[in-house]
Amino acid sequence: MPKTVVWSDNAKEDISTLVIYLNINWGKKIADDYITLINELVGQFAEFPKLFPVIHTKKKIRKCVVSKHNSIYYREKKDYIEIVNVFDTRQNPDKLKFGK
């Protein structure tokens, strides 16, 4: 049974910024297709939380590559999956924050 997925405030802001960018620069169809892809991937790791590799052992953060430009960072909690960030890989990696 899939776990509930909770988006952190930071991840909500990240995805909102990404969708706005895609709508403005690439059009509604591309933005909608990207949202569909993200929803499919989120569904996969909600069902199989250990599907993607751990990239931060201490905080138990996993990385799901969405495309060459974006990755989703998440962690499994006892009763849910927390999406921590949706990160544009073209940014400086020092900007990537995982919170507590």
N, C-alpha and C. Protein backbone atom coordinates (compact mmCIF):
# COMPACT_ATOMS: atom_id res chain seq x y z
N MET A 1 0.85 -1.18 0.00
CA MET A 1 0.00 0.00 0.00
C MET A 1 0.89 1.25 0.00
N PRO A 2 0.63 2.18 -0.90
CA PRO A 2 1.48 3.38 -0.96
C PRO A 2 1.35 4.23 0.30
N LYS A 3 2.47 4.85 0.65
CA LYS A 3 2.45 5.79 1.78
C LYS A 3 1.94 7.14 1.31
N THR A 4 1.40 7.90 2.24
CA THR A 4 0.99 9.27 1.96
C THR A 4 2.25 10.10 1.67
N VAL A 5 2.13 11.01 0.73
CA VAL A 5 3.25 11.89 0.38
C VAL A 5 2.94 13.30 0.89
N VAL A 6 3.89 13.86 1.62
CA VAL A 6 3.77 15.22 2.15
C VAL A 6 4.86 16.08 1.53
N TRP A 7 4.47 17.22 0.99
CA TRP A 7 5.43 18.15 0.38
C TRP A 7 5.82 19.19 1.42
N SER A 8 7.12 19.37 1.63
CA SER A 8 7.58 20.45 2.52
C SER A 8 7.25 21.79 1.87
N ASP A 9 7.24 22.84 2.68
CA ASP A 9 6.99 24.18 2.13
C ASP A 9 8.01 24.52 1.05
N ASN A 10 9.25 24.14 1.29
CA ASN A 10 10.32 24.41 0.34
C ASN A 10 10.06 23.68 -0.98
N ALA A 11 9.65 22.41 -0.91
CA ALA A 11 9.37 21.64 -2.12
C ALA A 11 8.17 22.21 -2.88
N LYS A 12 7.15 22.67 -2.14
CA LYS A 12 5.99 23.30 -2.79
C LYS A 12 6.42 24.54 -3.56
N GLU A 13 7.28 25.34 -2.95
CA GLU A 13 7.77 26.54 -3.62
C GLU A 13 8.60 26.17 -4.85
N ASP A 14 9.46 25.15 -4.69
CA ASP A 14 10.30 24.70 -5.81
C ASP A 14 9.45 24.26 -7.00
N ILE A 15 8.44 23.44 -6.75
CA ILE A 15 7.63 22.91 -7.84
C ILE A 15 6.79 24.01 -8.48
N SER A 16 6.31 24.93 -7.67
CA SER A 16 5.53 26.06 -8.19
C SER A 16 6.39 26.91 -9.12
N THR A 17 7.60 27.22 -8.70
CA THR A 17 8.53 28.01 -9.51
C THR A 17 8.83 27.29 -10.82
N LEU A 18 9.04 25.99 -10.75
CA LEU A 18 9.34 25.20 -11.93
C LEU A 18 8.18 25.20 -12.92
N VAL A 19 6.97 25.00 -12.43
CA VAL A 19 5.80 24.96 -13.31
C VAL A 19 5.56 26.33 -13.96
N ILE A 20 5.72 27.39 -13.20
CA ILE A 20 5.58 28.73 -13.77
C ILE A 20 6.61 28.95 -14.87
N TYR A 21 7.85 28.58 -14.61
CA TYR A 21 8.92 28.72 -15.61
C TYR A 21 8.57 27.95 -16.88
N LEU A 22 8.14 26.69 -16.72
CA LEU A 22 7.81 25.87 -17.88
C LEU A 22 6.64 26.46 -18.67
N ASN A 23 5.61 26.93 -17.97
CA ASN A 23 4.47 27.55 -18.65
C ASN A 23 4.88 28.77 -19.46
N ILE A 24 5.69 29.63 -18.87
CA ILE A 24 6.12 30.86 -19.54
C ILE A 24 7.04 30.59 -20.72
N ASN A 25 8.02 29.70 -20.50
CA ASN A 25 9.06 29.51 -21.50
C ASN A 25 8.82 28.36 -22.49
N TRP A 26 8.01 27.37 -22.11
CA TRP A 26 7.85 26.20 -22.97
C TRP A 26 6.39 25.88 -23.29
N GLY A 27 5.46 26.52 -22.57
CA GLY A 27 4.05 26.32 -22.88
C GLY A 27 3.35 25.37 -21.91
N LYS A 28 2.02 25.45 -21.95
CA LYS A 28 1.18 24.69 -21.02
C LYS A 28 1.34 23.17 -21.21
N LYS A 29 1.43 22.69 -22.44
CA LYS A 29 1.55 21.25 -22.68
C LYS A 29 2.80 20.68 -22.04
N ILE A 30 3.93 21.35 -22.20
CA ILE A 30 5.18 20.87 -21.60
C ILE A 30 5.06 20.89 -20.07
N ALA A 31 4.50 21.95 -19.52
CA ALA A 31 4.31 22.03 -18.07
C ALA A 31 3.41 20.90 -17.57
N ASP A 32 2.31 20.66 -18.28
CA ASP A 32 1.40 19.58 -17.89
C ASP A 32 2.06 18.21 -17.99
N ASP A 33 2.83 18.00 -19.06
CA ASP A 33 3.55 16.73 -19.22
C ASP A 33 4.55 16.52 -18.08
N TYR A 34 5.21 17.60 -17.68
CA TYR A 34 6.19 17.50 -16.60
C TYR A 34 5.52 17.19 -15.27
N ILE A 35 4.38 17.80 -15.03
CA ILE A 35 3.63 17.51 -13.80
C ILE A 35 3.19 16.04 -13.79
N THR A 36 2.76 15.54 -14.94
CA THR A 36 2.38 14.13 -15.05
C THR A 36 3.57 13.23 -14.72
N LEU A 37 4.74 13.55 -15.26
CA LEU A 37 5.95 12.77 -14.99
C LEU A 37 6.28 12.78 -13.50
N ILE A 38 6.23 13.96 -12.89
CA ILE A 38 6.52 14.07 -11.46
C ILE A 38 5.52 13.25 -10.65
N ASN A 39 4.25 13.32 -11.00
CA ASN A 39 3.23 12.55 -10.29
C ASN A 39 3.47 11.05 -10.42
N GLU A 40 3.91 10.60 -11.59
CA GLU A 40 4.23 9.18 -11.79
C GLU A 40 5.39 8.75 -10.90
N LEU A 41 6.44 9.56 -10.86
CA LEU A 41 7.60 9.24 -10.04
C LEU A 41 7.26 9.26 -8.55
N VAL A 42 6.49 10.25 -8.13
CA VAL A 42 6.07 10.33 -6.73
C VAL A 42 5.24 9.08 -6.38
N GLY A 43 4.39 8.66 -7.29
CA GLY A 43 3.61 7.44 -7.07
C GLY A 43 4.50 6.22 -6.91
N GLN A 44 5.58 6.17 -7.69
CA GLN A 44 6.50 5.04 -7.59
C GLN A 44 7.18 4.99 -6.23
N PHE A 45 7.72 6.14 -5.77
CA PHE A 45 8.40 6.04 -4.48
C PHE A 45 7.45 6.08 -3.29
N ALA A 46 6.19 6.45 -3.50
CA ALA A 46 5.19 6.29 -2.44
C ALA A 46 4.92 4.80 -2.23
N GLU A 47 4.92 4.05 -3.32
CA GLU A 47 4.69 2.61 -3.26
C GLU A 47 5.95 1.85 -2.84
N PHE A 48 7.09 2.30 -3.33
CA PHE A 48 8.37 1.63 -3.06
C PHE A 48 9.38 2.67 -2.58
N PRO A 49 9.33 3.06 -1.31
CA PRO A 49 10.14 4.16 -0.80
C PRO A 49 11.65 3.99 -0.98
N LYS A 50 12.12 2.78 -1.06
CA LYS A 50 13.56 2.54 -1.19
C LYS A 50 14.01 2.39 -2.64
N LEU A 51 13.14 2.76 -3.57
CA LEU A 51 13.41 2.61 -5.00
C LEU A 51 14.63 3.41 -5.46
N PHE A 52 14.82 4.60 -4.91
CA PHE A 52 15.90 5.47 -5.34
C PHE A 52 17.02 5.51 -4.31
N PRO A 53 18.24 5.84 -4.73
CA PRO A 53 19.40 5.74 -3.82
C PRO A 53 19.44 6.82 -2.74
N VAL A 54 20.00 6.43 -1.61
CA VAL A 54 20.25 7.36 -0.50
C VAL A 54 21.46 8.21 -0.89
N ILE A 55 21.33 9.53 -0.74
CA ILE A 55 22.45 10.41 -1.06
C ILE A 55 22.92 11.18 0.18
N HIS A 56 22.16 11.11 1.25
CA HIS A 56 22.56 11.74 2.52
C HIS A 56 22.18 10.76 3.63
N THR A 57 23.17 9.99 4.07
CA THR A 57 22.92 8.90 5.00
C THR A 57 22.36 9.37 6.33
N LYS A 58 22.93 10.42 6.89
CA LYS A 58 22.51 10.88 8.21
C LYS A 58 21.03 11.31 8.22
N LYS A 59 20.62 12.05 7.19
CA LYS A 59 19.24 12.53 7.13
C LYS A 59 18.33 11.61 6.32
N LYS A 60 18.90 10.52 5.80
CA LYS A 60 18.15 9.50 5.05
C LYS A 60 17.42 10.09 3.84
N ILE A 61 18.11 10.97 3.15
CA ILE A 61 17.55 11.61 1.96
C ILE A 61 17.84 10.75 0.73
N ARG A 62 16.82 10.57 -0.09
CA ARG A 62 16.96 9.83 -1.34
C ARG A 62 16.78 10.79 -2.52
N LYS A 63 17.39 10.43 -3.64
CA LYS A 63 17.35 11.29 -4.82
C LYS A 63 16.68 10.56 -5.97
N CYS A 64 15.64 11.18 -6.52
CA CYS A 64 14.93 10.68 -7.69
C CYS A 64 15.21 11.66 -8.83
N VAL A 65 15.92 11.20 -9.85
CA VAL A 65 16.21 12.06 -11.00
C VAL A 65 14.97 12.11 -11.89
N VAL A 66 14.45 13.32 -12.09
CA VAL A 66 13.28 13.54 -12.94
C VAL A 66 13.72 13.72 -14.38
N SER A 67 14.74 14.54 -14.57
CA SER A 67 15.32 14.80 -15.88
C SER A 67 16.76 15.23 -15.65
N LYS A 68 17.46 15.54 -16.72
CA LYS A 68 18.84 15.99 -16.53
C LYS A 68 18.89 17.34 -15.82
N HIS A 69 17.75 18.02 -15.73
CA HIS A 69 17.72 19.35 -15.10
C HIS A 69 17.10 19.38 -13.71
N ASN A 70 16.36 18.35 -13.33
CA ASN A 70 15.66 18.39 -12.05
C ASN A 70 15.70 17.05 -11.33
N SER A 71 15.78 17.12 -10.01
CA SER A 71 15.72 15.94 -9.16
C SER A 71 14.81 16.22 -7.97
N ILE A 72 14.16 15.17 -7.49
CA ILE A 72 13.33 15.26 -6.30
C ILE A 72 14.11 14.60 -5.16
N TYR A 73 14.17 15.28 -4.03
CA TYR A 73 14.82 14.74 -2.85
C TYR A 73 13.74 14.45 -1.81
N TYR A 74 13.74 13.25 -1.27
CA TYR A 74 12.70 12.85 -0.33
C TYR A 74 13.28 11.95 0.75
N ARG A 75 12.50 11.78 1.81
CA ARG A 75 12.88 10.85 2.87
C ARG A 75 11.65 10.10 3.34
N GLU A 76 11.90 8.88 3.75
CA GLU A 76 10.82 8.05 4.26
C GLU A 76 10.70 8.24 5.77
N LYS A 77 9.51 8.55 6.20
CA LYS A 77 9.19 8.61 7.62
C LYS A 77 8.39 7.35 7.95
N LYS A 78 8.06 7.17 9.22
CA LYS A 78 7.34 5.95 9.61
C LYS A 78 6.03 5.79 8.85
N ASP A 79 5.24 6.86 8.78
CA ASP A 79 3.91 6.76 8.20
C ASP A 79 3.72 7.50 6.88
N TYR A 80 4.76 8.16 6.39
CA TYR A 80 4.60 8.95 5.16
C TYR A 80 5.95 9.18 4.49
N ILE A 81 5.89 9.73 3.30
CA ILE A 81 7.08 10.15 2.54
C ILE A 81 7.07 11.67 2.55
N GLU A 82 8.21 12.26 2.87
CA GLU A 82 8.34 13.72 2.84
C GLU A 82 9.20 14.13 1.64
N ILE A 83 8.62 14.92 0.75
CA ILE A 83 9.41 15.49 -0.34
C ILE A 83 10.04 16.76 0.21
N VAL A 84 11.36 16.78 0.21
CA VAL A 84 12.11 17.86 0.83
C VAL A 84 12.41 18.97 -0.16
N ASN A 85 12.84 18.60 -1.38
CA ASN A 85 13.20 19.59 -2.41
C ASN A 85 12.88 19.05 -3.79
N VAL A 86 12.61 19.96 -4.70
CA VAL A 86 12.64 19.70 -6.13
C VAL A 86 13.71 20.65 -6.63
N PHE A 87 14.85 20.11 -7.03
CA PHE A 87 16.04 20.92 -7.24
C PHE A 87 16.44 20.97 -8.71
N ASP A 88 16.73 22.17 -9.19
CA ASP A 88 17.27 22.38 -10.53
C ASP A 88 18.76 22.09 -10.45
N THR A 89 19.19 21.05 -11.14
CA THR A 89 20.58 20.59 -11.05
C THR A 89 21.58 21.56 -11.66
N ARG A 90 21.10 22.59 -12.33
CA ARG A 90 22.02 23.59 -12.90
C ARG A 90 22.43 24.64 -11.88
N GLN A 91 21.81 24.59 -10.71
CA GLN A 91 22.16 25.52 -9.63
C GLN A 91 23.41 25.04 -8.90
N ASN A 92 23.96 25.94 -8.12
CA ASN A 92 25.07 25.58 -7.25
C ASN A 92 24.55 24.58 -6.23
N PRO A 93 25.16 23.41 -6.11
CA PRO A 93 24.68 22.39 -5.15
C PRO A 93 24.73 22.85 -3.70
N ASP A 94 25.48 23.89 -3.40
CA ASP A 94 25.51 24.42 -2.03
C ASP A 94 24.17 25.02 -1.63
N LYS A 95 23.30 25.32 -2.63
CA LYS A 95 21.98 25.86 -2.34
C LYS A 95 21.00 24.79 -1.87
N LEU A 96 21.38 23.54 -2.05
CA LEU A 96 20.51 22.44 -1.70
C LEU A 96 20.50 22.26 -0.18
N LYS A 97 19.33 22.43 0.42
CA LYS A 97 19.17 22.32 1.88
C LYS A 97 18.15 21.24 2.17
N PHE A 98 18.43 20.41 3.17
CA PHE A 98 17.55 19.31 3.52
C PHE A 98 16.79 19.52 4.81
N GLY A 99 17.01 20.61 5.49
CA GLY A 99 16.28 20.86 6.73
C GLY A 99 16.65 19.85 7.80
N LYS A 100 15.74 19.71 8.76
CA LYS A 100 16.00 18.82 9.90
C LYS A 100 15.71 17.38 9.57
